[in-house]
Amino acid sequence: MVNRRHFILGSAAGLVAGALPAQAFAAGNRHETTHTPLTTPDRTSQGYRPVITPNGRTLGYRLRDGVKEFHLIAEEIEHSFGDGTTIKAWGYNGSTPGPTLEAVEGDRVRIYVTNRLKEPTSVHWHGLILPNGMDGVAGLTQPSIPPGKTFVYEFPLVQHGTHMYHPHSDEMVQMAMGMMGMFIIHPREPEANPVDRDYAIMLHNWAIHPGTYRPDPSIMQDFDLWTMNSKVFPFIDSLVAQTGERVRIRMGNLSMWNHPMHVHGVKFWVTGGDGGRWPQAQWRTEATEIVGVGQARDIEFIAKPGDWAFHCHMAHHTMNAMGHDIPNTLGVNQNEVEQRIQALVPGYMAMGEHGMGEHQTHVDAGHMPGPENTLAMMMGKGQFGNMEMGGMFTVIKVRDQLAGDPGWYQHPAGTVAHETDRVPNDLPK
């Protein structure tokens, strides 16, 4: 197996994160994909506004004798984090995360779970109040679901809020392989201060060693891909809204790390999570909110025009394919070392003496092809150049009027930071 130490032999800093093959960036600007609906979703006949799952979907159901019936299929899938890395993952109904489940407080649901894996599984309905025998803990509250078999779960929904589902059988492996999803329960009574756009995002981490095709479930800390709905920037759908709309972002965290999620340009309200929408007196304003492991959090804000970053504030969580235990080459003159290594490794490039900002430029130019099936560390282009980001990062695009792909924000005159050659000489130093 290619491990991180083998990976970095080619360059202590230059190959720190791997790289896309040159052809992967031949198309040039890959700043974003915007598949999110650009119109405000209509309210259903039951009075709630459906959630939008960026890069994902909501699972349909059949109403039978007053019960909402869903069907989840646990199976191995082929999953792409974005152009450049495709893996063998495990998920539900062809995707990771699995499709979002939506229902209403007071509904009765019947969920069929078919196991197409080669080992037993189960499903735990994370945060839901339900009969003990429906809690989904293999061996404790139910038998495991054997390969090829289907179990059925049935219970009333006695609460509302942002919830999740995931296995509780060989949990470490199955969750590391991508088995999880969001379960949104809307309140029976209409909400005060209803939202105009409602997004659902699953936060997760992955250990995909350079040049490999399957996640490593044995990793406890050294993860190298950080995702929103199992995509990395710049392949995470933008979140769109119109100026003045109330936007809610529901975040569930089934990764192995806490994530301080930060929205630029606004002070948002933290309004709820696993326990539903809190009474307004309990809301608090923040710019960054930690979403703990196994936790869900809802944030809401009034959209203001612009292209606003939304990301985890742990800096290495906004990078792709991060190498670990690599020597720090800041301030190190590598000229002589580079020549000596090039004699053994043609194409070697020393990097990192003055920082890593040049990494994306070299990768985009095709100078530094890394191991196969491995994303570059820094990616994404904006209207002003390289964004040098990755991982758990996307953009909230707010426009006065939405019509098709919003493109890049057109800033009013005089509102963009710019170069100047005039610094007043009377400023303190």
Protein backbone atom coordinates (compact mmCIF):
# COMPACT_ATOMS: atom_id res chain seq x y z
CA MET A 1 0.00 0.00 0.00
CA VAL A 2 1.15 3.56 -0.71
CA ASN A 3 1.27 5.35 2.63
CA ARG A 4 1.96 8.97 3.48
CA ARG A 5 5.65 8.39 4.11
CA HIS A 6 6.08 6.78 0.68
CA PHE A 7 4.01 9.58 -0.80
CA ILE A 8 6.26 12.38 0.44
CA LEU A 9 9.55 10.86 -0.71
CA GLY A 10 9.03 12.57 -4.05
CA SER A 11 9.06 15.99 -2.40
CA ALA A 12 9.05 16.93 1.24
CA ALA A 13 6.82 19.87 0.54
CA GLY A 14 5.94 19.91 -3.12
CA LEU A 15 3.97 16.66 -2.94
CA VAL A 16 2.64 17.29 0.53
CA ALA A 17 -0.90 16.91 -0.64
CA GLY A 18 -0.74 14.98 -3.86
CA ALA A 19 -1.93 16.51 -7.08
CA LEU A 20 -4.43 16.10 -9.84
CA PRO A 21 -3.12 14.63 -13.08
CA ALA A 22 -2.51 17.41 -15.57
CA GLN A 23 -5.47 16.44 -17.71
CA ALA A 24 -7.83 16.75 -14.75
CA PHE A 25 -7.42 20.53 -14.82
CA ALA A 26 -7.18 20.91 -18.56
CA ALA A 27 -10.59 22.57 -18.54
CA GLY A 28 -9.16 25.52 -16.63
CA ASN A 29 -11.54 27.32 -14.29
CA ARG A 30 -13.48 24.73 -12.24
CA HIS A 31 -14.62 27.23 -9.64
CA GLU A 32 -17.90 25.57 -8.71
CA THR A 33 -20.84 23.42 -9.61
CA THR A 34 -24.23 24.89 -8.81
CA HIS A 35 -26.85 22.16 -8.93
CA THR A 36 -28.84 23.60 -6.03
CA PRO A 37 -32.34 24.71 -7.12
CA LEU A 38 -32.30 28.41 -7.92
CA THR A 39 -35.97 28.97 -7.18
CA THR A 40 -37.43 28.99 -3.72
CA PRO A 41 -38.90 25.52 -3.07
CA ASP A 42 -42.66 25.57 -2.71
CA ARG A 43 -44.24 24.58 0.55
CA THR A 44 -45.83 21.16 0.57
CA SER A 45 -49.50 20.56 1.23
CA GLN A 46 -48.50 19.88 4.85
CA GLY A 47 -47.22 23.42 5.22
CA TYR A 48 -43.45 22.96 5.44
CA ARG A 49 -40.75 24.02 3.02
CA PRO A 50 -38.73 20.99 1.86
CA VAL A 51 -35.04 20.96 2.64
CA ILE A 52 -32.39 21.23 -0.06
CA THR A 53 -29.51 18.73 0.24
CA PRO A 54 -26.59 20.15 -1.81
CA ASN A 55 -25.09 17.47 -4.08
CA GLY A 56 -27.83 15.13 -2.81
CA ARG A 57 -31.55 14.48 -2.77
CA THR A 58 -34.57 13.74 -0.58
CA LEU A 59 -35.88 10.16 -0.63
CA GLY A 60 -39.44 9.73 -1.84
CA TYR A 61 -42.05 7.78 0.13
CA ARG A 62 -45.35 6.04 -0.45
CA LEU A 63 -48.32 6.80 1.80
CA ARG A 64 -49.98 3.48 2.65
CA ASP A 65 -52.91 3.32 5.08
CA GLY A 66 -51.79 6.58 6.66
CA VAL A 67 -48.15 5.47 7.12
CA LYS A 68 -45.22 6.99 5.21
CA GLU A 69 -43.13 4.14 3.80
CA PHE A 70 -39.46 4.58 2.87
CA HIS A 71 -36.93 2.09 1.53
CA LEU A 72 -33.20 2.37 2.35
CA ILE A 73 -30.73 0.07 0.59
CA ALA A 74 -27.30 -0.40 2.19
CA GLU A 75 -24.77 -1.17 -0.52
CA GLU A 76 -21.27 -0.66 -1.86
CA ILE A 77 -21.12 2.27 -4.24
CA GLU A 78 -18.68 4.13 -6.42
CA HIS A 79 -18.31 7.67 -5.09
CA SER A 80 -16.51 10.72 -6.45
CA PHE A 81 -15.38 13.52 -4.14
CA GLY A 82 -14.88 15.63 -7.26
CA ASP A 83 -12.95 15.33 -10.51
CA GLY A 84 -9.80 13.45 -9.55
CA THR A 85 -10.72 11.00 -6.79
CA THR A 86 -13.25 8.17 -7.05
CA ILE A 87 -13.48 5.49 -4.37
CA LYS A 88 -15.30 2.33 -3.40
CA ALA A 89 -17.51 3.53 -0.55
CA TRP A 90 -20.54 2.18 1.29
CA GLY A 91 -23.77 4.14 1.36
CA TYR A 92 -27.52 4.04 0.89
CA ASN A 93 -29.54 4.03 -2.33
CA GLY A 94 -26.48 4.68 -4.45
CA SER A 95 -24.97 7.60 -2.55
CA THR A 96 -23.06 8.80 0.46
CA PRO A 97 -24.49 10.37 2.44
CA GLY A 98 -27.69 8.47 1.85
CA PRO A 99 -30.75 10.41 0.69
CA THR A 100 -32.33 12.79 3.18
CA LEU A 101 -35.48 11.54 4.89
CA GLU A 102 -38.20 14.15 5.47
CA ALA A 103 -41.41 13.81 7.44
CA VAL A 104 -43.61 15.76 9.84
CA GLU A 105 -44.00 15.60 13.59
CA GLY A 106 -46.95 13.31 14.28
CA ASP A 107 -46.39 11.16 11.18
CA ARG A 108 -46.00 7.41 11.48
CA VAL A 109 -43.14 6.07 9.36
CA ARG A 110 -42.30 2.58 8.15
CA ILE A 111 -38.73 2.24 6.90
CA TYR A 112 -37.60 -0.87 5.06
CA VAL A 113 -33.83 -1.46 5.18
CA THR A 114 -32.35 -3.91 2.67
CA ASN A 115 -28.77 -5.05 3.25
CA ARG A 116 -26.74 -5.56 0.07
CA LEU A 117 -23.42 -5.47 1.89
CA LYS A 118 -21.38 -8.60 2.51
CA GLU A 119 -21.59 -8.17 6.29
CA PRO A 120 -24.47 -7.54 8.71
CA THR A 121 -25.71 -4.03 9.40
CA SER A 122 -28.45 -2.11 11.23
CA VAL A 123 -29.75 1.47 11.28
CA HIS A 124 -29.83 3.75 14.32
CA TRP A 125 -32.17 6.75 14.11
CA HIS A 126 -29.87 9.25 15.79
CA GLY A 127 -31.61 11.53 18.28
CA LEU A 128 -35.11 10.17 17.73
CA ILE A 129 -37.44 9.28 20.58
CA LEU A 130 -38.91 5.89 19.69
CA PRO A 131 -39.66 2.39 21.04
CA ASN A 132 -36.54 0.64 22.31
CA GLY A 133 -36.81 -2.18 19.79
CA MET A 134 -36.62 0.33 16.92
CA ASP A 135 -33.42 2.03 18.10
CA GLY A 136 -31.23 -0.01 15.76
CA VAL A 137 -28.38 -1.19 18.01
CA ALA A 138 -27.37 -4.61 16.71
CA GLY A 139 -27.30 -7.28 19.42
CA LEU A 140 -28.84 -4.97 22.02
CA THR A 141 -32.22 -3.91 20.64
CA GLN A 142 -32.47 -6.07 17.51
CA PRO A 143 -30.70 -8.84 15.59
CA SER A 144 -28.27 -7.64 12.93
CA ILE A 145 -29.63 -7.44 9.39
CA PRO A 146 -27.84 -10.27 7.54
CA PRO A 147 -26.55 -9.79 3.98
CA GLY A 148 -29.37 -10.12 1.49
CA LYS A 149 -32.13 -9.59 4.06
CA THR A 150 -34.60 -6.75 4.69
CA PHE A 151 -35.74 -5.50 8.11
CA VAL A 152 -38.53 -3.05 8.76
CA TYR A 153 -38.60 -0.25 11.34
CA GLU A 154 -41.90 1.41 12.26
CA PHE A 155 -42.53 4.18 14.78
CA PRO A 156 -44.39 7.48 15.29
CA LEU A 157 -42.51 10.77 15.05
CA VAL A 158 -43.11 12.52 18.36
CA GLN A 159 -40.67 15.41 17.89
CA HIS A 160 -39.26 17.74 15.28
CA GLY A 161 -35.73 18.85 14.47
CA THR A 162 -32.54 18.03 12.60
CA HIS A 163 -31.59 14.37 13.01
CA MET A 164 -29.42 11.72 11.38
CA TYR A 165 -29.32 8.00 10.63
CA HIS A 166 -26.32 5.65 10.58
CA PRO A 167 -25.37 2.01 11.26
CA HIS A 168 -24.96 0.62 14.75
CA SER A 169 -23.34 -2.60 13.56
CA ASP A 170 -19.58 -2.63 12.87
CA GLU A 171 -20.09 1.10 13.33
CA MET A 172 -16.44 2.18 13.06
CA VAL A 173 -16.01 0.56 9.66
CA GLN A 174 -19.43 1.27 8.19
CA MET A 175 -19.46 4.97 9.10
CA ALA A 176 -15.87 5.42 7.93
CA MET A 177 -16.96 3.91 4.62
CA GLY A 178 -19.70 6.55 4.23
CA MET A 179 -22.91 5.09 5.68
CA MET A 180 -24.98 7.97 7.10
CA GLY A 181 -27.74 10.40 6.20
CA MET A 182 -29.94 13.25 7.42
CA PHE A 183 -33.41 12.77 8.90
CA ILE A 184 -35.39 16.03 8.99
CA ILE A 185 -38.65 16.16 10.97
CA HIS A 186 -40.68 19.31 10.38
CA PRO A 187 -42.90 20.68 13.17
CA ARG A 188 -46.60 19.97 12.93
CA GLU A 189 -47.51 23.60 13.64
CA PRO A 190 -46.21 26.35 11.30
CA GLU A 191 -43.04 27.99 12.55
CA ALA A 192 -42.90 31.58 13.68
CA ASN A 193 -40.32 33.36 11.51
CA PRO A 194 -40.50 30.74 8.73
CA VAL A 195 -37.40 30.23 6.60
CA ASP A 196 -37.29 30.83 2.84
CA ARG A 197 -34.47 28.35 2.12
CA ASP A 198 -33.61 25.32 4.20
CA TYR A 199 -30.31 23.49 3.56
CA ALA A 200 -29.17 20.13 5.00
CA ILE A 201 -25.44 19.36 5.21
CA MET A 202 -23.67 16.29 6.58
CA LEU A 203 -20.11 16.90 7.82
CA HIS A 204 -17.70 13.98 7.48
CA ASN A 205 -14.02 13.04 7.25
CA TRP A 206 -12.21 10.39 5.23
CA ALA A 207 -8.84 8.64 5.18
CA ILE A 208 -8.05 8.01 1.51
CA HIS A 209 -4.34 7.29 1.34
CA PRO A 210 -2.65 8.66 -1.81
CA GLY A 211 -3.06 6.32 -4.74
CA THR A 212 -5.69 4.13 -3.04
CA TYR A 213 -9.36 3.54 -3.73
CA ARG A 214 -10.95 2.55 -0.42
CA PRO A 215 -11.31 4.50 2.85
CA ASP A 216 -9.15 3.35 5.77
CA PRO A 217 -11.43 2.76 8.80
CA SER A 218 -8.48 2.35 11.20
CA ILE A 219 -7.57 6.06 11.17
CA MET A 220 -8.48 7.93 14.34
CA GLN A 221 -7.00 11.40 13.76
CA ASP A 222 -4.97 11.70 10.56
CA PHE A 223 -7.82 12.17 8.10
CA ASP A 224 -6.98 13.75 4.76
CA LEU A 225 -10.34 14.63 3.18
CA TRP A 226 -12.99 16.76 4.88
CA THR A 227 -16.39 16.95 3.24
CA MET A 228 -19.82 18.52 3.11
CA ASN A 229 -22.30 15.92 1.87
CA SER A 230 -19.29 13.81 0.86
CA LYS A 231 -17.89 16.38 -1.58
CA VAL A 232 -14.85 18.63 -1.31
CA PHE A 233 -14.40 22.19 -2.54
CA PRO A 234 -14.66 23.25 -5.34
CA PHE A 235 -17.13 20.46 -6.08
CA ILE A 236 -19.58 21.31 -3.26
CA ASP A 237 -22.72 22.99 -4.57
CA SER A 238 -23.03 26.66 -3.73
CA LEU A 239 -25.85 27.66 -1.41
CA VAL A 240 -27.98 30.28 -3.12
CA ALA A 241 -30.50 32.80 -1.86
CA GLN A 242 -32.11 36.13 -2.72
CA THR A 243 -31.36 39.29 -0.80
CA GLY A 244 -33.44 39.55 2.36
CA GLU A 245 -34.46 35.89 2.52
CA ARG A 246 -34.20 33.97 5.78
CA VAL A 247 -31.84 31.04 5.24
CA ARG A 248 -31.43 28.05 7.54
CA ILE A 249 -28.46 25.68 7.33
CA ARG A 250 -28.92 22.39 9.18
CA MET A 251 -25.59 20.70 9.93
CA GLY A 252 -25.11 17.16 11.16
CA ASN A 253 -21.67 15.89 12.19
CA LEU A 254 -20.93 12.18 11.98
CA SER A 255 -17.21 12.69 11.43
CA MET A 256 -14.54 11.95 14.04
CA TRP A 257 -13.77 15.61 14.71
CA ASN A 258 -15.54 18.76 15.88
CA HIS A 259 -16.07 21.50 13.30
CA PRO A 260 -16.25 25.25 14.06
CA MET A 261 -18.43 26.31 11.12
CA HIS A 262 -18.02 29.92 10.06
CA VAL A 263 -20.18 32.08 7.76
CA HIS A 264 -18.67 35.26 6.33
CA GLY A 265 -20.52 38.54 6.18
CA VAL A 266 -23.30 37.92 8.70
CA LYS A 267 -24.01 37.34 12.35
CA PHE A 268 -26.22 34.29 12.32
CA TRP A 269 -28.58 32.99 14.97
CA VAL A 270 -28.04 29.53 16.41
CA THR A 271 -31.65 28.40 16.54
CA GLY A 272 -31.75 24.67 17.23
CA GLY A 273 -30.58 21.21 16.29
CA ASP A 274 -31.28 17.70 17.57
CA GLY A 275 -33.91 19.10 19.95
CA GLY A 276 -35.80 21.04 17.31
CA ARG A 277 -36.05 24.78 16.90
CA TRP A 278 -35.47 26.42 20.25
CA PRO A 279 -37.73 29.12 21.72
CA GLN A 280 -36.57 32.42 20.29
CA ALA A 281 -35.45 33.62 23.72
CA GLN A 282 -32.75 30.91 23.60
CA TRP A 283 -31.35 31.93 20.21
CA ARG A 284 -27.89 33.44 20.25
CA THR A 285 -25.88 35.32 17.65
CA GLU A 286 -22.54 33.98 16.46
CA ALA A 287 -20.20 34.12 13.49
CA THR A 288 -18.78 30.64 14.19
CA GLU A 289 -20.55 27.66 15.75
CA ILE A 290 -18.91 24.40 16.80
CA VAL A 291 -20.80 21.34 15.61
CA GLY A 292 -19.61 18.52 17.85
CA VAL A 293 -19.19 14.88 16.91
CA GLY A 294 -22.62 13.24 16.83
CA GLN A 295 -24.34 16.63 17.09
CA ALA A 296 -26.70 18.61 14.87
CA ARG A 297 -26.93 22.39 14.81
CA ASP A 298 -29.21 24.80 12.94
CA ILE A 299 -28.13 28.32 12.05
CA GLU A 300 -30.25 31.03 10.42
CA PHE A 301 -29.45 34.41 8.89
CA ILE A 302 -30.90 37.08 6.64
CA ALA A 303 -29.18 36.89 3.24
CA LYS A 304 -27.19 39.91 2.09
CA PRO A 305 -25.82 40.24 -1.45
CA GLY A 306 -22.41 38.85 -2.29
CA ASP A 307 -20.35 35.66 -2.56
CA TRP A 308 -19.80 34.68 1.07
CA ALA A 309 -17.49 31.89 2.23
CA PHE A 310 -18.92 29.15 4.44
CA HIS A 311 -16.41 26.71 5.89
CA CYS A 312 -14.92 24.90 8.84
CA HIS A 313 -12.46 27.17 10.62
CA MET A 314 -9.90 24.46 11.34
CA ALA A 315 -7.49 25.49 8.59
CA HIS A 316 -6.41 21.97 7.64
CA HIS A 317 -10.07 21.02 7.16
CA THR A 318 -10.17 23.34 4.13
CA MET A 319 -7.39 21.44 2.36
CA ASN A 320 -7.52 18.22 0.36
CA ALA A 321 -5.25 15.16 0.64
CA MET A 322 -3.19 16.63 3.45
CA GLY A 323 0.06 14.79 4.19
CA HIS A 324 1.04 14.37 7.82
CA ASP A 325 4.39 14.19 9.65
CA ILE A 326 6.08 16.15 6.85
CA PRO A 327 9.18 18.28 7.57
CA ASN A 328 8.51 22.01 7.74
CA THR A 329 10.57 23.63 4.97
CA LEU A 330 9.67 27.27 5.69
CA GLY A 331 12.84 29.36 5.46
CA VAL A 332 14.94 26.46 4.17
CA ASN A 333 17.00 27.10 1.01
CA GLN A 334 16.42 23.92 -0.99
CA ASN A 335 18.33 24.75 -4.18
CA GLU A 336 21.18 22.28 -3.65
CA VAL A 337 18.88 19.60 -2.27
CA GLU A 338 16.52 20.00 -5.23
CA GLN A 339 19.32 19.38 -7.75
CA ARG A 340 20.52 16.28 -5.92
CA ILE A 341 17.04 14.80 -5.64
CA GLN A 342 16.26 15.55 -9.30
CA ALA A 343 19.11 13.23 -10.24
CA LEU A 344 17.18 10.42 -8.54
CA VAL A 345 13.59 11.63 -9.07
CA PRO A 346 13.18 13.45 -12.41
CA GLY A 347 10.56 16.16 -12.23
CA TYR A 348 11.03 16.75 -8.51
CA MET A 349 10.25 20.34 -7.43
CA ALA A 350 11.16 21.80 -4.08
CA MET A 351 8.42 23.88 -2.49
CA GLY A 352 7.55 25.42 0.83
CA GLU A 353 10.47 27.76 1.47
CA HIS A 354 8.17 30.79 1.36
CA GLY A 355 4.84 29.05 2.01
CA MET A 356 2.57 26.77 0.00
CA GLY A 357 0.57 29.31 -2.01
CA GLU A 358 2.42 28.35 -5.19
CA HIS A 359 1.21 24.75 -4.95
CA GLN A 360 -2.05 25.31 -6.83
CA THR A 361 -0.32 27.26 -9.61
CA HIS A 362 2.13 24.43 -10.25
CA VAL A 363 -0.58 21.75 -10.11
CA ASP A 364 -2.89 23.67 -12.45
CA ALA A 365 0.00 24.02 -14.91
CA GLY A 366 0.59 20.27 -14.86
CA HIS A 367 4.07 20.53 -13.34
CA MET A 368 3.43 18.27 -10.37
CA PRO A 369 1.33 15.20 -11.17
CA GLY A 370 0.91 13.21 -7.97
CA PRO A 371 -0.30 9.69 -7.25
CA GLU A 372 -3.31 8.45 -9.19
CA ASN A 373 -6.77 8.95 -7.71
CA THR A 374 -5.52 11.72 -5.41
CA LEU A 375 -6.86 15.27 -5.30
CA ALA A 376 -4.67 18.34 -5.16
CA MET A 377 -4.28 19.99 -1.78
CA MET A 378 -5.41 23.45 -2.98
CA MET A 379 -8.10 23.99 -5.60
CA GLY A 380 -10.78 26.33 -6.85
CA LYS A 381 -10.71 29.57 -8.82
CA GLY A 382 -12.69 32.74 -8.23
CA GLN A 383 -13.08 35.81 -10.36
CA PHE A 384 -9.88 37.23 -8.89
CA GLY A 385 -7.67 34.14 -9.20
CA ASN A 386 -6.74 31.02 -7.25
CA MET A 387 -8.71 30.45 -4.07
CA GLU A 388 -6.22 27.91 -2.64
CA MET A 389 -8.87 26.03 -0.71
CA GLY A 390 -10.38 22.55 -0.56
CA GLY A 391 -12.22 20.25 1.80
CA MET A 392 -15.00 21.62 3.98
CA PHE A 393 -15.58 24.92 2.16
CA THR A 394 -18.25 26.31 -0.11
CA VAL A 395 -19.84 29.62 -1.13
CA ILE A 396 -23.15 31.21 -0.19
CA LYS A 397 -24.29 33.17 -3.26
CA VAL A 398 -26.86 35.87 -2.57
CA ARG A 399 -28.36 38.00 -5.35
CA ASP A 400 -31.17 40.56 -5.46
CA GLN A 401 -32.79 38.44 -8.17
CA LEU A 402 -31.90 34.84 -9.05
CA ALA A 403 -32.18 33.68 -12.62
CA GLY A 404 -30.13 30.66 -13.65
CA ASP A 405 -26.54 30.26 -12.48
CA PRO A 406 -25.76 33.36 -10.40
CA GLY A 407 -22.12 33.42 -11.58
CA TRP A 408 -19.75 35.66 -9.68
CA TYR A 409 -20.96 38.65 -7.69
CA GLN A 410 -20.71 42.00 -9.45
CA HIS A 411 -19.41 44.35 -6.78
CA PRO A 412 -20.65 47.95 -6.73
CA ALA A 413 -17.98 50.44 -7.74
CA GLY A 414 -15.52 51.23 -5.02
CA THR A 415 -16.30 48.22 -2.84
CA VAL A 416 -13.40 45.87 -3.75
CA ALA A 417 -10.08 45.88 -1.89
CA HIS A 418 -7.40 47.10 -4.29
CA GLU A 419 -3.72 47.91 -4.58
CA THR A 420 -2.46 51.36 -3.69
CA ASP A 421 0.93 53.04 -3.84
CA ARG A 422 -0.07 55.80 -1.46
CA VAL A 423 0.23 55.09 2.26
CA PRO A 424 -0.14 58.17 4.48
CA ASN A 425 3.21 58.85 6.13
CA ASP A 426 1.62 59.98 9.38
CA LEU A 427 0.24 56.53 10.35
CA PRO A 428 1.59 55.02 13.58
CA LYS A 429 4.14 52.22 13.24
